[in-house]
C-alpha cells in the first residue's frame, strides 16, 4: 500500500464536505536511524490524519513538518523549531479555521517530543471543547495490543517495531532492509538533559526487526476505529458526565 500523505481535495470538495472539524498532522524532521527517513513522524501523522479524515469526514490540513526534536540535536539531518513557534503556528491555524466556521481542531501528533501540544489543547478547552490531541497514550496502547506487537511502549521508543511496521505497511519503499539488524534497547533516565546521543549510537531505541506490514495495517485500523471516542468527547455533551451531587 502507498498512501498519498497530502490531501488533494479542492475547495469545491471541501465546500461539499462541509466539515465542522479539522485535522492537523504534526510531524517532525529528525533522525530515525539508518532504516527510516527523516520524515518518519510526519508520514505517520499524515497517515493517521488521512485515515481519520476519510472515515469521519473531517477537513484534512497540510502537515506541520518540523517541530520540537531538540533531543536529537547534533544528528545529521535533524531540524527543530522552538515550542513557542509551534504553539503560535497551531493557535494561528485554529483561529483562522474559525473564519470558515470550523471551531474544532484535532491535532494528530507523530512525534513524542512535542510536549507543548498537550498544553495548547488544555488551554484551548477552558471555555468548552475546541481541540483534541490524538492519539493519546491509551490509544497507542490499544493499537499495540490489536496489532500483537511484541515490544513494549517503553522499549519501543524510537524507530522501532511500531514506526517501522507503519512504514512497511504504508510506504515500504522508504524502509531500508537494515531494519532487520537495527535493534537496540536502552534505558534513558535523563533523556531531556543529555538527548538521544547519550543512549544510542545508531539513533534507534527499539526493536525494528519485529516489524511487519501486517502489524502496521492493524495499528492504523485500531487508531482509526478508536478515534470515535475522541470525536464524541468533543461534542458539548460528550465525554464523562459528573454524577449529581447529593444534597
Protein backbone atom coordinates (compact mmCIF):
# COMPACT_ATOMS: atom_id res chain seq x y z
CA UNK A 1 0.00 0.00 0.00
CA UNK A 2 1.20 3.50 -0.84
CA UNK A 3 -0.85 6.35 0.61
CA UNK A 4 -0.60 9.95 -0.57
CA UNK A 5 0.35 11.76 2.66
CA UNK A 6 -1.15 15.07 1.50
CA UNK A 7 -4.74 15.95 0.73
CA UNK A 8 -5.61 16.55 -2.93
CA UNK A 9 -9.07 17.93 -2.17
CA UNK A 10 -10.22 21.11 -3.91
CA UNK A 11 -12.13 23.99 -2.39
CA UNK A 12 -15.23 22.59 -4.10
CA UNK A 13 -14.65 19.22 -2.47
CA UNK A 14 -14.44 20.83 0.95
CA UNK A 15 -17.49 23.01 0.37
CA UNK A 16 -19.47 19.86 -0.39
CA UNK A 17 -18.00 18.02 2.59
CA UNK A 18 -18.95 20.91 4.90
CA UNK A 19 -16.79 19.55 7.70
CA UNK A 20 -17.17 21.07 11.15
CA UNK A 21 -13.93 19.54 12.48
CA UNK A 22 -10.44 19.87 11.01
CA UNK A 23 -7.50 17.52 11.48
CA UNK A 24 -3.90 18.76 11.53
CA UNK A 25 -0.97 16.32 11.29
CA UNK A 26 2.11 17.40 13.24
CA UNK A 27 5.28 15.51 12.44
CA UNK A 28 8.98 16.23 12.70
CA UNK A 29 12.19 16.24 10.69
CA UNK A 30 14.60 14.11 12.69
CA UNK A 31 16.87 11.11 12.53
CA UNK A 32 15.25 7.70 12.63
CA UNK A 33 18.30 5.51 12.39
CA UNK A 34 19.66 4.16 9.14
CA UNK A 35 16.49 2.35 8.07
CA UNK A 36 13.79 5.04 8.26
CA UNK A 37 13.57 8.52 6.65
CA UNK A 38 13.89 11.84 8.45
CA UNK A 39 10.21 12.42 7.65
CA UNK A 40 9.02 9.31 9.51
CA UNK A 41 6.98 11.14 12.16
CA UNK A 42 5.39 13.37 9.53
CA UNK A 43 4.47 10.37 7.39
CA UNK A 44 2.97 8.59 10.40
CA UNK A 45 0.97 11.65 11.46
CA UNK A 46 -0.24 12.18 7.88
CA UNK A 47 -1.33 8.56 7.52
CA UNK A 48 -3.33 8.64 10.73
CA UNK A 49 -4.85 12.03 9.92
CA UNK A 50 -5.74 10.96 6.37
CA UNK A 51 -7.45 7.83 7.67
CA UNK A 52 -9.42 9.83 10.25
CA UNK A 53 -10.45 12.47 7.72
CA UNK A 54 -11.67 9.84 5.26
CA UNK A 55 -13.53 7.79 7.86
CA UNK A 56 -15.15 10.65 9.76
CA UNK A 57 -15.48 13.31 7.02
CA UNK A 58 -13.09 15.86 8.50
CA UNK A 59 -11.17 18.68 6.85
CA UNK A 60 -7.61 17.43 6.37
CA UNK A 61 -4.98 20.18 6.60
CA UNK A 62 -1.44 20.02 5.25
CA UNK A 63 1.04 18.92 7.94
CA UNK A 64 3.43 20.82 10.14
CA UNK A 65 6.62 19.03 9.14
CA UNK A 66 9.21 20.49 11.55
CA UNK A 67 8.65 20.56 15.30
CA UNK A 68 10.44 20.09 18.62
CA UNK A 69 13.17 17.49 18.02
CA UNK A 70 15.77 19.01 20.32
CA UNK A 71 16.57 15.66 21.93
CA UNK A 72 18.00 14.65 18.53
CA UNK A 73 20.19 17.74 18.21
CA UNK A 74 23.51 17.01 16.56
CA UNK A 75 22.19 14.10 14.48
CA UNK A 76 22.64 14.61 10.75
CA UNK A 77 19.55 15.99 9.07
CA UNK A 78 17.59 16.83 12.21
CA UNK A 79 15.93 20.28 12.25
CA UNK A 80 13.83 21.78 15.05
CA UNK A 81 11.74 24.83 15.81
CA UNK A 82 11.03 26.20 19.29
CA UNK A 83 7.98 25.17 21.28
CA UNK A 84 6.88 28.82 21.17
CA UNK A 85 6.93 28.79 17.37
CA UNK A 86 4.97 25.54 17.22
CA UNK A 87 2.41 26.94 19.67
CA UNK A 88 1.93 30.10 17.62
CA UNK A 89 1.51 28.12 14.41
CA UNK A 90 -1.22 25.92 15.86
CA UNK A 91 -3.05 28.79 17.53
CA UNK A 92 -2.95 30.78 14.28
CA UNK A 93 -4.31 27.80 12.34
CA UNK A 94 -7.10 27.24 14.87
CA UNK A 95 -8.05 30.92 14.81
CA UNK A 96 -8.09 31.04 11.02
CA UNK A 97 -10.26 27.93 10.79
CA UNK A 98 -12.90 29.77 12.77
CA UNK A 99 -13.18 32.25 9.90
CA UNK A 100 -14.61 29.45 7.78
CA UNK A 101 -16.89 28.16 10.52
CA UNK A 102 -14.71 25.33 11.79
CA UNK A 103 -14.43 25.67 15.55
CA UNK A 104 -12.84 22.35 16.42
CA UNK A 105 -9.39 21.04 15.61
CA UNK A 106 -7.82 17.63 16.05
CA UNK A 107 -4.04 17.64 16.35
CA UNK A 108 -2.59 14.32 15.21
CA UNK A 109 0.86 14.18 16.75
CA UNK A 110 3.50 11.89 15.28
CA UNK A 111 6.43 12.96 17.49
CA UNK A 112 6.68 12.17 21.19
CA UNK A 113 8.89 15.19 21.90
CA UNK A 114 6.11 17.68 21.16
CA UNK A 115 5.18 18.02 24.82
CA UNK A 116 3.82 21.54 24.32
CA UNK A 117 0.88 20.23 22.32
CA UNK A 118 -0.83 18.96 25.46
CA UNK A 119 -0.73 22.43 26.99
CA UNK A 120 -2.08 24.04 23.84
CA UNK A 121 -5.06 21.67 23.88
CA UNK A 122 -5.54 22.10 27.61
CA UNK A 123 -5.70 25.89 27.32
CA UNK A 124 -7.91 25.83 24.23
CA UNK A 125 -10.65 23.89 26.00
CA UNK A 126 -11.13 26.16 29.01
CA UNK A 127 -14.30 27.71 27.52
CA UNK A 128 -15.56 24.45 26.01
CA UNK A 129 -14.42 21.61 23.75
CA UNK A 130 -12.49 23.07 20.81
CA UNK A 131 -9.40 20.95 20.40
CA UNK A 132 -8.13 17.40 20.92
CA UNK A 133 -4.73 15.73 20.78
CA UNK A 134 -4.66 12.29 19.17
CA UNK A 135 -3.52 9.55 19.54
CA UNK A 136 -3.10 9.52 23.30
CA UNK A 137 -1.11 7.02 25.33
CA UNK A 138 -4.11 4.72 25.77
CA UNK A 139 -4.92 4.85 22.04
CA UNK A 140 -1.38 3.77 21.20
CA UNK A 141 -1.56 1.04 23.87
CA UNK A 142 -4.76 -0.40 22.40
CA UNK A 143 -3.23 -0.27 18.92
CA UNK A 144 -0.16 -2.17 20.11
CA UNK A 145 -2.41 -4.85 21.58
CA UNK A 146 -4.64 -5.02 18.50
CA UNK A 147 -1.60 -5.48 16.26
CA UNK A 148 0.01 -8.07 18.59
CA UNK A 149 3.21 -6.04 18.86
CA UNK A 150 5.87 -7.93 20.77
CA UNK A 151 7.78 -4.98 22.26
CA UNK A 152 6.56 -2.65 25.00
CA UNK A 153 5.96 1.05 24.56
CA UNK A 154 8.88 1.73 26.90
CA UNK A 155 11.35 -0.39 24.93
CA UNK A 156 9.95 0.62 21.54
CA UNK A 157 10.70 4.32 21.86
CA UNK A 158 12.18 5.39 18.54
CA UNK A 159 12.46 3.88 15.05
CA UNK A 160 11.35 0.55 16.49
CA UNK A 161 8.65 -2.02 15.89
CA UNK A 162 5.62 0.25 15.65
CA UNK A 163 7.06 3.00 13.45
CA UNK A 164 8.79 0.54 11.16
CA UNK A 165 5.59 -1.52 10.88
CA UNK A 166 3.55 1.52 9.88
CA UNK A 167 6.01 2.48 7.16
CA UNK A 168 6.29 -1.11 5.93
CA UNK A 169 2.52 -1.04 5.50
CA UNK A 170 2.16 2.43 4.01
CA UNK A 171 5.46 3.21 2.27
CA UNK A 172 7.59 0.04 2.17
CA UNK A 173 9.92 1.62 -0.37
CA UNK A 174 11.01 4.07 2.33
CA UNK A 175 12.27 1.32 4.67
CA UNK A 176 15.81 0.05 4.31
CA UNK A 177 16.46 -3.67 4.75
CA UNK A 178 18.84 -2.71 7.55
CA UNK A 179 15.81 -2.59 9.88
CA UNK A 180 16.24 -6.34 10.31
CA UNK A 181 19.52 -5.84 12.19
CA UNK A 182 18.95 -2.42 13.78
CA UNK A 183 17.64 -3.48 17.22
CA UNK A 184 18.94 -1.51 20.17
CA UNK A 185 17.46 -1.21 23.66
CA UNK A 186 18.45 1.35 26.28
CA UNK A 187 17.07 2.99 29.38
CA UNK A 188 17.29 6.78 29.15
CA UNK A 189 16.75 8.23 32.63
CA UNK A 190 17.96 11.72 31.71
CA UNK A 191 16.86 11.99 28.09
CA UNK A 192 15.77 15.61 28.39
CA UNK A 193 19.16 16.52 29.81
CA UNK A 194 21.51 14.54 27.60
CA UNK A 195 19.48 13.82 24.46
CA UNK A 196 19.42 10.66 22.37
CA UNK A 197 23.11 10.53 21.52
CA UNK A 198 23.93 9.57 25.12
CA UNK A 199 21.86 6.40 24.81
CA UNK A 200 22.18 5.23 21.21
CA UNK A 201 24.81 5.46 18.50
CA UNK A 202 22.52 4.30 15.73
CA UNK A 203 19.63 6.58 16.66
CA UNK A 204 17.40 3.58 17.34
CA UNK A 205 15.85 2.67 20.67
CA UNK A 206 13.54 -0.21 19.92
CA UNK A 207 13.17 -3.49 18.08
CA UNK A 208 12.51 -2.77 14.41
CA UNK A 209 13.40 -6.35 13.47
CA UNK A 210 9.99 -7.36 14.87
CA UNK A 211 8.14 -5.08 12.45
CA UNK A 212 5.82 -6.23 9.68
CA UNK A 213 3.42 -4.67 7.20
CA UNK A 214 0.52 -6.59 8.73
CA UNK A 215 1.23 -5.15 12.16
CA UNK A 216 1.29 -1.66 10.67
CA UNK A 217 -2.07 -2.24 8.99
CA UNK A 218 -3.61 -3.33 12.28
CA UNK A 219 -2.13 -0.38 14.18
CA UNK A 220 -3.67 2.08 11.74
CA UNK A 221 -7.03 0.30 11.78
CA UNK A 222 -7.13 0.37 15.57
CA UNK A 223 -6.27 4.05 15.77
CA UNK A 224 -8.91 4.88 13.18
CA UNK A 225 -11.63 2.96 14.99
CA UNK A 226 -10.72 4.26 18.46
CA UNK A 227 -10.86 7.86 17.29
CA UNK A 228 -14.66 7.74 17.55
CA UNK A 229 -14.25 8.10 21.33
CA UNK A 230 -12.22 11.30 20.96
CA UNK A 231 -14.62 12.75 18.41
CA UNK A 232 -17.53 12.01 20.72
CA UNK A 233 -15.76 13.76 23.59
CA UNK A 234 -15.64 16.98 21.55
CA UNK A 235 -19.43 17.16 21.49
CA UNK A 236 -20.96 19.57 24.02
CA UNK A 237 -22.42 16.61 25.91
CA UNK A 238 -19.60 14.20 25.08
CA UNK A 239 -17.16 12.59 27.46
CA UNK A 240 -17.84 11.61 31.06
CA UNK A 241 -20.61 13.45 32.88
CA UNK A 242 -20.03 14.11 36.56
CA UNK A 243 -22.51 12.34 38.88
CA UNK A 244 -25.12 14.52 40.57
CA UNK A 245 -24.25 15.93 43.98
CA UNK A 246 -26.39 14.57 46.78
CA UNK A 247 -27.97 17.27 48.87
